[in-house]
């Protein structure tokens, strides 16, 4: 992941942790998606781009054996302090220090959004590498009619058409299981998406 992403989240780590605190409790749709994911996975799960650890903690509460990885050392410090019962590590999604076929699931919840489009196939290939055959990947992302950058509150991010993202997943060896597109309340514009995929057995 580019160093500007790491540096931006390190700088704003405390404010970001405050901003996302409690958001999952207010969002039944996200909780439902995580619940389905928790039922499907068999084996350990990694949350890539775990930030302050809130999603990993929720999965842990659902009985999932989960740990988190993030590029920001400061966010990892916050995650370790907030959720001392869980394991969190600093790492790069483009080169994961994890064995092949070692995990039952990968959660990447709005953590691919900052990846330049040219880097995304490599990230998906890494996610595929670390999953066991039949393992599941749940991606959260910003959805749009075309691949395009926009000004995120922390650092530049990208919107992706769900069909393009599914196509990249297919090229990496994943099969689509389900997709959810969230409509914004203002104007009906498509803004958020979730894509559940499975590594071919």
N, C-alpha and C. Protein backbone atom coordinates (compact mmCIF):
# COMPACT_ATOMS: atom_id res chain seq x y z
N UNK A 1 0.86 -1.19 0.00
CA UNK A 1 0.00 0.00 0.00
C UNK A 1 0.90 1.24 0.00
N UNK A 2 0.57 2.28 -0.75
CA UNK A 2 1.42 3.47 -0.80
C UNK A 2 1.66 4.06 0.57
N UNK A 3 2.86 4.62 0.76
CA UNK A 3 3.21 5.18 2.07
C UNK A 3 2.31 6.34 2.45
N UNK A 4 1.72 7.06 1.46
CA UNK A 4 0.86 8.18 1.81
C UNK A 4 -0.40 7.72 2.53
N UNK A 5 -0.86 6.48 2.23
CA UNK A 5 -2.02 5.93 2.94
C UNK A 5 -1.65 5.66 4.39
N UNK A 6 -0.52 5.03 4.60
CA UNK A 6 -0.06 4.77 5.97
C UNK A 6 0.11 6.06 6.74
N UNK A 7 0.78 7.03 6.14
CA UNK A 7 1.05 8.29 6.84
C UNK A 7 -0.24 9.05 7.14
N UNK A 8 -1.19 9.04 6.20
CA UNK A 8 -2.45 9.76 6.40
C UNK A 8 -3.24 9.16 7.55
N UNK A 9 -3.31 7.83 7.61
CA UNK A 9 -4.07 7.19 8.69
C UNK A 9 -3.33 7.29 10.02
N UNK A 10 -2.01 7.26 10.00
CA UNK A 10 -1.27 7.49 11.24
C UNK A 10 -1.57 8.88 11.81
N UNK A 11 -1.60 9.86 10.94
CA UNK A 11 -1.84 11.24 11.38
C UNK A 11 -3.23 11.42 11.95
N UNK A 12 -4.22 10.77 11.34
CA UNK A 12 -5.62 10.96 11.73
C UNK A 12 -6.18 9.77 12.51
N UNK A 13 -5.32 8.92 13.04
CA UNK A 13 -5.77 7.67 13.64
C UNK A 13 -6.77 7.89 14.77
N UNK A 14 -6.48 8.80 15.67
CA UNK A 14 -7.38 9.01 16.82
C UNK A 14 -8.72 9.56 16.37
N UNK A 15 -8.69 10.53 15.46
CA UNK A 15 -9.95 11.10 14.95
C UNK A 15 -10.73 10.06 14.18
N UNK A 16 -10.04 9.23 13.40
CA UNK A 16 -10.73 8.20 12.63
C UNK A 16 -11.38 7.17 13.55
N UNK A 17 -10.65 6.75 14.58
CA UNK A 17 -11.20 5.78 15.53
C UNK A 17 -12.44 6.34 16.21
N UNK A 18 -12.41 7.63 16.55
CA UNK A 18 -13.59 8.26 17.16
C UNK A 18 -14.75 8.31 16.17
N UNK A 19 -14.45 8.58 14.90
CA UNK A 19 -15.49 8.73 13.88
C UNK A 19 -16.24 7.42 13.65
N UNK A 20 -15.52 6.29 13.61
CA UNK A 20 -16.17 5.02 13.29
C UNK A 20 -16.73 4.31 14.52
N UNK A 21 -16.38 4.80 15.70
CA UNK A 21 -16.86 4.14 16.91
C UNK A 21 -18.39 4.15 16.96
N UNK A 22 -19.00 3.01 17.15
CA UNK A 22 -20.44 2.92 17.27
C UNK A 22 -21.20 2.82 15.96
N UNK A 23 -20.52 3.01 14.81
CA UNK A 23 -21.22 3.00 13.54
C UNK A 23 -21.81 1.63 13.21
N UNK A 24 -21.09 0.58 13.55
CA UNK A 24 -21.59 -0.76 13.25
C UNK A 24 -22.86 -1.05 14.05
N UNK A 25 -22.92 -0.58 15.27
CA UNK A 25 -24.10 -0.80 16.10
C UNK A 25 -25.33 -0.09 15.52
N UNK A 26 -25.10 0.93 14.72
CA UNK A 26 -26.20 1.69 14.12
C UNK A 26 -26.60 1.16 12.74
N UNK A 27 -25.93 0.12 12.25
CA UNK A 27 -26.12 -0.33 10.87
C UNK A 27 -26.51 -1.81 10.81
N UNK A 28 -27.81 -2.11 10.80
CA UNK A 28 -28.23 -3.53 10.78
C UNK A 28 -27.83 -4.26 9.51
N UNK A 29 -27.72 -3.54 8.37
CA UNK A 29 -27.34 -4.20 7.13
C UNK A 29 -25.91 -4.72 7.21
N UNK A 30 -24.98 -3.89 7.68
CA UNK A 30 -23.59 -4.34 7.82
C UNK A 30 -23.49 -5.49 8.80
N UNK A 31 -24.23 -5.42 9.90
CA UNK A 31 -24.20 -6.52 10.87
C UNK A 31 -24.73 -7.81 10.26
N UNK A 32 -25.76 -7.69 9.43
CA UNK A 32 -26.31 -8.88 8.77
C UNK A 32 -25.29 -9.49 7.82
N UNK A 33 -24.58 -8.66 7.06
CA UNK A 33 -23.57 -9.17 6.14
C UNK A 33 -22.45 -9.88 6.89
N UNK A 34 -22.02 -9.28 7.99
CA UNK A 34 -20.98 -9.92 8.80
C UNK A 34 -21.49 -11.22 9.41
N UNK A 35 -22.77 -11.27 9.76
CA UNK A 35 -23.34 -12.49 10.31
C UNK A 35 -23.34 -13.62 9.30
N UNK A 36 -23.71 -13.32 8.05
CA UNK A 36 -23.67 -14.33 6.99
C UNK A 36 -22.23 -14.81 6.78
N UNK A 37 -21.31 -13.88 6.71
CA UNK A 37 -19.89 -14.22 6.53
C UNK A 37 -19.42 -15.13 7.66
N UNK A 38 -19.79 -14.79 8.89
CA UNK A 38 -19.37 -15.59 10.05
C UNK A 38 -19.91 -17.01 9.97
N UNK A 39 -21.11 -17.18 9.45
CA UNK A 39 -21.68 -18.52 9.31
C UNK A 39 -20.99 -19.33 8.22
N UNK A 40 -20.52 -18.66 7.19
CA UNK A 40 -19.94 -19.36 6.04
C UNK A 40 -18.50 -19.80 6.26
N UNK A 41 -17.73 -18.99 6.99
CA UNK A 41 -16.29 -19.26 7.08
C UNK A 41 -16.03 -20.48 7.96
N UNK A 42 -15.01 -21.21 7.59
CA UNK A 42 -14.58 -22.40 8.34
C UNK A 42 -13.09 -22.29 8.54
N UNK A 43 -12.69 -21.87 9.74
CA UNK A 43 -11.28 -21.69 10.02
C UNK A 43 -10.97 -20.25 10.36
N UNK A 44 -9.70 -19.95 10.60
CA UNK A 44 -9.31 -18.59 10.99
C UNK A 44 -9.62 -17.56 9.90
N UNK A 45 -9.83 -16.33 10.35
CA UNK A 45 -10.17 -15.22 9.46
C UNK A 45 -9.23 -14.06 9.73
N UNK A 46 -8.81 -13.37 8.68
CA UNK A 46 -8.06 -12.13 8.83
C UNK A 46 -8.90 -10.98 8.32
N UNK A 47 -8.89 -9.87 9.09
CA UNK A 47 -9.45 -8.63 8.57
C UNK A 47 -8.29 -7.79 8.06
N UNK A 48 -8.27 -7.53 6.76
CA UNK A 48 -7.23 -6.72 6.14
C UNK A 48 -7.68 -5.27 6.11
N UNK A 49 -6.81 -4.38 6.60
CA UNK A 49 -7.21 -2.99 6.76
C UNK A 49 -8.14 -2.85 7.94
N UNK A 50 -7.75 -3.45 9.06
CA UNK A 50 -8.64 -3.57 10.22
C UNK A 50 -8.86 -2.26 10.96
N UNK A 51 -8.01 -1.26 10.72
CA UNK A 51 -8.18 0.01 11.43
C UNK A 51 -8.16 -0.20 12.93
N UNK A 52 -9.09 0.41 13.67
CA UNK A 52 -9.10 0.28 15.13
C UNK A 52 -9.69 -1.04 15.63
N UNK A 53 -10.03 -1.96 14.72
CA UNK A 53 -10.38 -3.31 15.13
C UNK A 53 -11.85 -3.57 15.40
N UNK A 54 -12.72 -2.65 15.05
CA UNK A 54 -14.14 -2.80 15.42
C UNK A 54 -14.81 -3.96 14.69
N UNK A 55 -14.51 -4.18 13.42
CA UNK A 55 -15.14 -5.26 12.67
C UNK A 55 -14.60 -6.62 13.13
N UNK A 56 -13.30 -6.69 13.37
CA UNK A 56 -12.72 -7.93 13.89
C UNK A 56 -13.33 -8.27 15.25
N UNK A 57 -13.52 -7.26 16.09
CA UNK A 57 -14.11 -7.50 17.40
C UNK A 57 -15.54 -8.02 17.27
N UNK A 58 -16.29 -7.49 16.30
CA UNK A 58 -17.65 -7.97 16.08
C UNK A 58 -17.65 -9.43 15.64
N UNK A 59 -16.77 -9.79 14.72
CA UNK A 59 -16.68 -11.17 14.28
C UNK A 59 -16.28 -12.08 15.44
N UNK A 60 -15.36 -11.62 16.27
CA UNK A 60 -14.96 -12.40 17.45
C UNK A 60 -16.18 -12.67 18.34
N UNK A 61 -17.03 -11.65 18.49
CA UNK A 61 -18.24 -11.82 19.28
C UNK A 61 -19.21 -12.83 18.68
N UNK A 62 -19.08 -13.07 17.37
CA UNK A 62 -19.92 -14.07 16.69
C UNK A 62 -19.27 -15.45 16.70
N UNK A 63 -18.15 -15.58 17.39
CA UNK A 63 -17.50 -16.87 17.52
C UNK A 63 -16.43 -17.17 16.49
N UNK A 64 -16.02 -16.15 15.73
CA UNK A 64 -15.01 -16.34 14.68
C UNK A 64 -13.61 -16.19 15.27
N UNK A 65 -12.70 -17.06 14.88
CA UNK A 65 -11.29 -16.95 15.23
C UNK A 65 -10.66 -15.95 14.26
N UNK A 66 -10.49 -14.70 14.71
CA UNK A 66 -10.13 -13.62 13.79
C UNK A 66 -8.95 -12.83 14.32
N UNK A 67 -8.14 -12.32 13.41
CA UNK A 67 -7.08 -11.36 13.75
C UNK A 67 -7.07 -10.29 12.68
N UNK A 68 -6.36 -9.18 12.97
CA UNK A 68 -6.39 -8.04 12.07
C UNK A 68 -5.01 -7.59 11.62
N UNK A 69 -4.96 -7.04 10.41
CA UNK A 69 -3.74 -6.48 9.84
C UNK A 69 -4.07 -5.11 9.28
N UNK A 70 -3.20 -4.14 9.52
CA UNK A 70 -3.39 -2.80 8.96
C UNK A 70 -2.03 -2.19 8.67
N UNK A 71 -1.99 -1.30 7.68
CA UNK A 71 -0.74 -0.65 7.29
C UNK A 71 -0.34 0.45 8.26
N UNK A 72 -1.28 0.93 9.07
CA UNK A 72 -1.02 2.05 9.98
C UNK A 72 -0.61 1.55 11.37
N UNK A 73 0.64 1.77 11.78
CA UNK A 73 1.05 1.37 13.12
C UNK A 73 0.23 2.02 14.22
N UNK A 74 -0.16 3.27 14.02
CA UNK A 74 -0.95 3.95 15.05
C UNK A 74 -2.33 3.32 15.21
N UNK A 75 -2.97 2.96 14.11
CA UNK A 75 -4.27 2.29 14.22
C UNK A 75 -4.13 0.91 14.86
N UNK A 76 -3.05 0.22 14.58
CA UNK A 76 -2.81 -1.07 15.23
C UNK A 76 -2.64 -0.88 16.74
N UNK A 77 -1.94 0.17 17.15
CA UNK A 77 -1.82 0.46 18.59
C UNK A 77 -3.19 0.66 19.23
N UNK A 78 -4.06 1.41 18.54
CA UNK A 78 -5.41 1.65 19.07
C UNK A 78 -6.19 0.34 19.13
N UNK A 79 -6.10 -0.48 18.09
CA UNK A 79 -6.82 -1.76 18.07
C UNK A 79 -6.36 -2.66 19.21
N UNK A 80 -5.06 -2.73 19.44
CA UNK A 80 -4.54 -3.57 20.51
C UNK A 80 -5.00 -3.08 21.88
N UNK A 81 -5.04 -1.77 22.05
CA UNK A 81 -5.47 -1.20 23.33
C UNK A 81 -6.96 -1.41 23.56
N UNK A 82 -7.75 -1.24 22.49
CA UNK A 82 -9.20 -1.32 22.60
C UNK A 82 -9.69 -2.76 22.70
N UNK A 83 -8.99 -3.67 22.03
CA UNK A 83 -9.42 -5.08 21.98
C UNK A 83 -8.24 -5.98 22.33
N UNK A 84 -7.81 -5.96 23.59
CA UNK A 84 -6.59 -6.70 23.97
C UNK A 84 -6.71 -8.21 23.83
N UNK A 85 -7.93 -8.72 23.70
CA UNK A 85 -8.13 -10.16 23.57
C UNK A 85 -7.83 -10.66 22.16
N UNK A 86 -7.63 -9.73 21.22
CA UNK A 86 -7.40 -10.10 19.82
C UNK A 86 -5.98 -9.78 19.38
N UNK A 87 -5.57 -10.41 18.30
CA UNK A 87 -4.23 -10.19 17.74
C UNK A 87 -4.33 -9.21 16.57
N UNK A 88 -3.46 -8.20 16.58
CA UNK A 88 -3.39 -7.22 15.50
C UNK A 88 -1.94 -7.02 15.11
N UNK A 89 -1.69 -6.92 13.80
CA UNK A 89 -0.34 -6.80 13.28
C UNK A 89 -0.27 -5.71 12.22
N UNK A 90 0.89 -5.08 12.11
CA UNK A 90 1.14 -4.14 11.01
C UNK A 90 1.54 -4.95 9.78
N UNK A 91 0.93 -4.65 8.65
CA UNK A 91 1.25 -5.38 7.43
C UNK A 91 0.72 -4.68 6.21
N UNK A 92 1.16 -5.15 5.06
CA UNK A 92 0.83 -4.56 3.76
C UNK A 92 0.00 -5.54 2.97
N UNK A 93 -1.17 -5.11 2.51
CA UNK A 93 -2.07 -5.99 1.78
C UNK A 93 -1.50 -6.46 0.45
N UNK A 94 -0.48 -5.79 -0.06
CA UNK A 94 0.11 -6.20 -1.34
C UNK A 94 1.14 -7.31 -1.17
N UNK A 95 1.58 -7.56 0.08
CA UNK A 95 2.58 -8.60 0.34
C UNK A 95 2.38 -9.09 1.76
N UNK A 96 1.46 -10.02 1.93
CA UNK A 96 1.07 -10.50 3.25
C UNK A 96 2.04 -11.57 3.75
N UNK A 97 2.45 -11.43 5.00
CA UNK A 97 3.35 -12.41 5.62
C UNK A 97 2.51 -13.53 6.23
N UNK A 98 1.77 -14.24 5.37
CA UNK A 98 0.88 -15.31 5.79
C UNK A 98 1.07 -16.50 4.86
N UNK A 99 0.97 -17.73 5.39
CA UNK A 99 1.18 -18.91 4.54
C UNK A 99 0.08 -19.10 3.51
N UNK A 100 0.41 -19.80 2.45
CA UNK A 100 -0.58 -20.17 1.44
C UNK A 100 -1.68 -21.03 2.07
N UNK A 101 -2.90 -20.85 1.59
CA UNK A 101 -4.03 -21.72 1.96
C UNK A 101 -4.13 -21.96 3.46
N UNK A 102 -4.04 -20.88 4.24
CA UNK A 102 -4.00 -21.01 5.69
C UNK A 102 -5.23 -20.46 6.40
N UNK A 103 -6.14 -19.79 5.67
CA UNK A 103 -7.26 -19.11 6.32
C UNK A 103 -8.58 -19.51 5.69
N UNK A 104 -9.62 -19.52 6.53
CA UNK A 104 -10.95 -19.84 6.04
C UNK A 104 -11.68 -18.64 5.49
N UNK A 105 -11.24 -17.43 5.86
CA UNK A 105 -11.93 -16.24 5.39
C UNK A 105 -11.06 -15.01 5.42
N UNK A 106 -11.37 -14.07 4.55
CA UNK A 106 -10.73 -12.76 4.50
C UNK A 106 -11.83 -11.71 4.48
N UNK A 107 -11.74 -10.76 5.41
CA UNK A 107 -12.62 -9.60 5.40
C UNK A 107 -11.79 -8.39 5.01
N UNK A 108 -12.24 -7.68 4.00
CA UNK A 108 -11.58 -6.45 3.56
C UNK A 108 -12.68 -5.39 3.44
N UNK A 109 -12.95 -4.71 4.55
CA UNK A 109 -14.12 -3.84 4.63
C UNK A 109 -13.71 -2.40 4.35
N UNK A 110 -13.94 -1.96 3.12
CA UNK A 110 -13.57 -0.62 2.66
C UNK A 110 -12.07 -0.36 2.83
N UNK A 111 -11.27 -1.41 2.72
CA UNK A 111 -9.81 -1.24 2.82
C UNK A 111 -9.13 -1.29 1.46
N UNK A 112 -9.86 -1.73 0.41
CA UNK A 112 -9.28 -1.68 -0.94
C UNK A 112 -9.51 -0.32 -1.59
N UNK A 113 -10.26 0.55 -0.93
CA UNK A 113 -10.70 1.79 -1.59
C UNK A 113 -9.55 2.72 -1.92
N UNK A 114 -8.46 2.64 -1.17
CA UNK A 114 -7.33 3.54 -1.41
C UNK A 114 -6.31 2.98 -2.39
N UNK A 115 -6.52 1.76 -2.86
CA UNK A 115 -5.55 1.13 -3.75
C UNK A 115 -5.67 1.71 -5.14
N UNK A 116 -4.58 2.19 -5.73
CA UNK A 116 -4.64 2.57 -7.14
C UNK A 116 -5.13 1.38 -7.96
N UNK A 117 -5.93 1.61 -8.98
CA UNK A 117 -6.52 0.50 -9.74
C UNK A 117 -5.51 -0.54 -10.21
N UNK A 118 -4.30 -0.11 -10.56
CA UNK A 118 -3.31 -1.07 -11.05
C UNK A 118 -2.85 -2.04 -9.96
N UNK A 119 -3.04 -1.66 -8.67
CA UNK A 119 -2.60 -2.51 -7.57
C UNK A 119 -3.64 -3.54 -7.15
N UNK A 120 -4.89 -3.34 -7.54
CA UNK A 120 -5.95 -4.19 -7.02
C UNK A 120 -5.84 -5.64 -7.45
N UNK A 121 -5.50 -5.96 -8.70
CA UNK A 121 -5.35 -7.38 -9.05
C UNK A 121 -4.34 -8.10 -8.17
N UNK A 122 -3.24 -7.44 -7.84
CA UNK A 122 -2.24 -8.06 -6.96
C UNK A 122 -2.78 -8.30 -5.56
N UNK A 123 -3.59 -7.37 -5.06
CA UNK A 123 -4.19 -7.54 -3.74
C UNK A 123 -5.15 -8.73 -3.73
N UNK A 124 -5.97 -8.82 -4.76
CA UNK A 124 -6.90 -9.95 -4.84
C UNK A 124 -6.16 -11.27 -4.97
N UNK A 125 -5.05 -11.26 -5.68
CA UNK A 125 -4.24 -12.47 -5.81
C UNK A 125 -3.68 -12.89 -4.46
N UNK A 126 -3.27 -11.92 -3.63
CA UNK A 126 -2.77 -12.23 -2.29
C UNK A 126 -3.89 -12.81 -1.42
N UNK A 127 -5.08 -12.23 -1.51
CA UNK A 127 -6.22 -12.74 -0.74
C UNK A 127 -6.53 -14.18 -1.16
N UNK A 128 -6.49 -14.43 -2.46
CA UNK A 128 -6.73 -15.78 -2.97
C UNK A 128 -5.66 -16.74 -2.47
N UNK A 129 -4.42 -16.30 -2.46
CA UNK A 129 -3.31 -17.17 -2.05
C UNK A 129 -3.47 -17.66 -0.63
N UNK A 130 -3.89 -16.80 0.28
CA UNK A 130 -3.90 -17.16 1.71
C UNK A 130 -5.16 -17.93 2.11
N UNK A 131 -6.17 -17.97 1.24
CA UNK A 131 -7.40 -18.69 1.55
C UNK A 131 -7.29 -20.17 1.21
N UNK A 132 -7.95 -20.99 2.03
CA UNK A 132 -8.07 -22.40 1.68
C UNK A 132 -9.04 -22.52 0.50
N UNK A 133 -8.97 -23.59 -0.28
CA UNK A 133 -9.98 -23.82 -1.31
C UNK A 133 -11.38 -23.82 -0.68
N UNK A 134 -12.28 -23.07 -1.27
CA UNK A 134 -13.62 -22.93 -0.72
C UNK A 134 -13.75 -21.83 0.31
N UNK A 135 -12.63 -21.15 0.64
CA UNK A 135 -12.66 -20.05 1.60
C UNK A 135 -13.38 -18.84 1.03
N UNK A 136 -13.85 -17.97 1.92
CA UNK A 136 -14.68 -16.84 1.52
C UNK A 136 -13.98 -15.49 1.73
N UNK A 137 -14.27 -14.58 0.82
CA UNK A 137 -13.78 -13.21 0.87
C UNK A 137 -14.99 -12.28 0.88
N UNK A 138 -15.02 -11.35 1.84
CA UNK A 138 -16.06 -10.33 1.88
C UNK A 138 -15.41 -8.97 1.70
N UNK A 139 -15.75 -8.29 0.60
CA UNK A 139 -15.20 -6.98 0.27
C UNK A 139 -16.26 -5.91 0.49
N UNK A 140 -15.88 -4.83 1.18
CA UNK A 140 -16.70 -3.63 1.21
C UNK A 140 -16.00 -2.57 0.37
N UNK A 141 -16.77 -1.78 -0.40
CA UNK A 141 -16.15 -0.83 -1.31
C UNK A 141 -17.13 0.29 -1.65
N UNK A 142 -16.62 1.34 -2.25
CA UNK A 142 -17.48 2.39 -2.77
C UNK A 142 -17.80 2.06 -4.23
N UNK A 143 -19.10 2.06 -4.55
CA UNK A 143 -19.56 1.65 -5.87
C UNK A 143 -19.87 2.87 -6.72
N UNK A 144 -19.62 2.77 -8.02
CA UNK A 144 -19.90 3.86 -8.94
C UNK A 144 -19.98 3.34 -10.36
N UNK A 145 -20.37 4.18 -11.30
CA UNK A 145 -20.55 3.73 -12.69
C UNK A 145 -19.24 3.45 -13.41
N UNK A 146 -18.14 3.95 -12.88
CA UNK A 146 -16.84 3.71 -13.49
C UNK A 146 -15.76 3.79 -12.41
N UNK A 147 -14.59 3.26 -12.73
CA UNK A 147 -13.47 3.39 -11.81
C UNK A 147 -13.03 4.85 -11.80
N UNK A 148 -13.13 5.48 -10.64
CA UNK A 148 -12.80 6.90 -10.59
C UNK A 148 -12.34 7.29 -9.19
N UNK A 149 -11.35 8.18 -9.11
CA UNK A 149 -10.90 8.65 -7.80
C UNK A 149 -11.84 9.71 -7.24
N UNK A 150 -11.83 9.84 -5.94
CA UNK A 150 -12.56 10.93 -5.30
C UNK A 150 -11.85 11.32 -4.03
N UNK A 151 -12.19 12.49 -3.51
CA UNK A 151 -11.53 13.02 -2.32
C UNK A 151 -12.17 12.42 -1.07
N UNK A 152 -11.51 11.44 -0.51
CA UNK A 152 -11.91 10.82 0.75
C UNK A 152 -11.45 11.72 1.89
N UNK A 153 -12.07 11.61 3.07
CA UNK A 153 -11.72 12.49 4.18
C UNK A 153 -10.30 12.25 4.69
N UNK A 154 -9.76 11.05 4.45
CA UNK A 154 -8.41 10.75 4.92
C UNK A 154 -7.40 10.90 3.79
N UNK A 155 -7.61 10.17 2.70
CA UNK A 155 -6.69 10.20 1.56
C UNK A 155 -7.45 9.70 0.34
N UNK A 156 -6.97 10.03 -0.84
CA UNK A 156 -7.67 9.70 -2.08
C UNK A 156 -8.18 8.26 -2.09
N UNK A 157 -9.41 8.09 -2.57
CA UNK A 157 -10.01 6.77 -2.68
C UNK A 157 -10.60 6.61 -4.07
N UNK A 158 -11.09 5.39 -4.35
CA UNK A 158 -11.62 5.07 -5.68
C UNK A 158 -12.99 4.40 -5.56
N UNK A 159 -13.86 4.73 -6.49
CA UNK A 159 -15.12 4.01 -6.68
C UNK A 159 -14.92 2.93 -7.74
N UNK A 160 -15.66 1.84 -7.57
CA UNK A 160 -15.56 0.72 -8.52
C UNK A 160 -16.95 0.26 -8.93
N UNK A 161 -17.19 0.02 -10.22
CA UNK A 161 -18.42 -0.68 -10.62
C UNK A 161 -18.36 -2.12 -10.10
N UNK A 162 -19.45 -2.59 -9.56
CA UNK A 162 -19.43 -3.93 -8.96
C UNK A 162 -19.09 -4.99 -10.00
N UNK A 163 -19.52 -4.82 -11.25
CA UNK A 163 -19.21 -5.82 -12.27
C UNK A 163 -17.71 -5.86 -12.58
N UNK A 164 -17.06 -4.70 -12.57
CA UNK A 164 -15.60 -4.67 -12.78
C UNK A 164 -14.89 -5.38 -11.65
N UNK A 165 -15.34 -5.13 -10.43
CA UNK A 165 -14.71 -5.75 -9.26
C UNK A 165 -14.92 -7.26 -9.29
N UNK A 166 -16.12 -7.68 -9.65
CA UNK A 166 -16.40 -9.12 -9.76
C UNK A 166 -15.52 -9.75 -10.84
N UNK A 167 -15.33 -9.04 -11.94
CA UNK A 167 -14.47 -9.55 -13.01
C UNK A 167 -13.03 -9.73 -12.55
N UNK A 168 -12.52 -8.77 -11.79
CA UNK A 168 -11.16 -8.91 -11.26
C UNK A 168 -11.08 -10.09 -10.29
N UNK A 169 -12.13 -10.24 -9.49
CA UNK A 169 -12.17 -11.38 -8.58
C UNK A 169 -12.16 -12.70 -9.33
N UNK A 170 -12.92 -12.76 -10.42
CA UNK A 170 -12.97 -13.98 -11.22
C UNK A 170 -11.58 -14.29 -11.81
N UNK A 171 -10.90 -13.26 -12.28
CA UNK A 171 -9.57 -13.45 -12.83
C UNK A 171 -8.59 -13.97 -11.77
N UNK A 172 -8.82 -13.58 -10.51
CA UNK A 172 -7.95 -14.02 -9.42
C UNK A 172 -8.30 -15.42 -8.93
N UNK A 173 -9.42 -15.97 -9.40
CA UNK A 173 -9.80 -17.32 -9.00
C UNK A 173 -10.98 -17.40 -8.06
N UNK A 174 -11.76 -16.32 -7.95
CA UNK A 174 -12.93 -16.30 -7.08
C UNK A 174 -14.22 -16.44 -7.90
N UNK A 175 -15.23 -17.00 -7.26
CA UNK A 175 -16.57 -17.04 -7.81
C UNK A 175 -17.48 -16.17 -6.95
N UNK A 176 -18.32 -15.38 -7.59
CA UNK A 176 -19.24 -14.53 -6.85
C UNK A 176 -20.30 -15.36 -6.15
N UNK A 177 -20.56 -15.02 -4.89
CA UNK A 177 -21.63 -15.65 -4.12
C UNK A 177 -22.82 -14.71 -3.99
N UNK A 178 -22.55 -13.45 -3.66
CA UNK A 178 -23.64 -12.48 -3.48
C UNK A 178 -23.07 -11.08 -3.56
N UNK A 179 -23.95 -10.13 -3.87
CA UNK A 179 -23.58 -8.72 -3.89
C UNK A 179 -24.69 -7.89 -3.28
N UNK A 180 -24.31 -6.79 -2.66
CA UNK A 180 -25.27 -5.83 -2.09
C UNK A 180 -24.83 -4.45 -2.52
N UNK A 181 -25.75 -3.67 -3.08
CA UNK A 181 -25.48 -2.28 -3.42
C UNK A 181 -26.36 -1.41 -2.54
N UNK A 182 -25.72 -0.53 -1.80
CA UNK A 182 -26.43 0.35 -0.88
C UNK A 182 -26.75 1.67 -1.58
N UNK A 183 -28.01 2.07 -1.56
CA UNK A 183 -28.41 3.34 -2.13
C UNK A 183 -28.26 4.44 -1.08
N UNK A 184 -27.70 5.57 -1.48
CA UNK A 184 -27.61 6.68 -0.55
C UNK A 184 -29.01 7.26 -0.34
N UNK A 185 -29.21 7.85 0.82
CA UNK A 185 -30.52 8.42 1.13
C UNK A 185 -30.79 9.69 0.34
N UNK A 186 -29.73 10.36 -0.07
CA UNK A 186 -29.89 11.62 -0.80
C UNK A 186 -29.70 11.38 -2.29
N UNK A 187 -30.78 11.45 -3.04
CA UNK A 187 -30.67 11.40 -4.49
C UNK A 187 -30.62 10.02 -5.09
N UNK A 188 -30.59 8.97 -4.26
CA UNK A 188 -30.61 7.61 -4.79
C UNK A 188 -29.35 7.19 -5.51
N UNK A 189 -28.25 7.90 -5.30
CA UNK A 189 -27.00 7.56 -5.96
C UNK A 189 -26.40 6.32 -5.31
N UNK A 190 -25.85 5.43 -6.11
CA UNK A 190 -25.23 4.24 -5.56
C UNK A 190 -23.88 4.61 -4.96
N UNK A 191 -23.69 4.32 -3.69
CA UNK A 191 -22.46 4.76 -3.04
C UNK A 191 -21.67 3.64 -2.39
N UNK A 192 -22.33 2.62 -1.90
CA UNK A 192 -21.61 1.58 -1.16
C UNK A 192 -21.95 0.21 -1.69
N UNK A 193 -21.01 -0.71 -1.57
CA UNK A 193 -21.26 -2.05 -2.03
C UNK A 193 -20.56 -3.08 -1.17
N UNK A 194 -21.08 -4.30 -1.21
CA UNK A 194 -20.43 -5.43 -0.55
C UNK A 194 -20.46 -6.60 -1.54
N UNK A 195 -19.37 -7.29 -1.63
CA UNK A 195 -19.23 -8.39 -2.58
C UNK A 195 -18.68 -9.60 -1.82
N UNK A 196 -19.45 -10.68 -1.83
CA UNK A 196 -19.04 -11.93 -1.19
C UNK A 196 -18.61 -12.88 -2.28
N UNK A 197 -17.38 -13.40 -2.16
CA UNK A 197 -16.82 -14.30 -3.15
C UNK A 197 -16.21 -15.52 -2.47
N UNK A 198 -16.07 -16.58 -3.24
CA UNK A 198 -15.52 -17.84 -2.71
C UNK A 198 -14.38 -18.30 -3.60
N UNK A 199 -13.31 -18.73 -2.96
CA UNK A 199 -12.19 -19.29 -3.72
C UNK A 199 -12.58 -20.65 -4.28
N UNK A 200 -12.31 -20.85 -5.53
CA UNK A 200 -12.68 -22.12 -6.17
C UNK A 200 -12.05 -23.30 -5.44
N UNK A 201 -12.83 -24.34 -5.29
CA UNK A 201 -12.34 -25.54 -4.56
C UNK A 201 -11.35 -26.31 -5.43
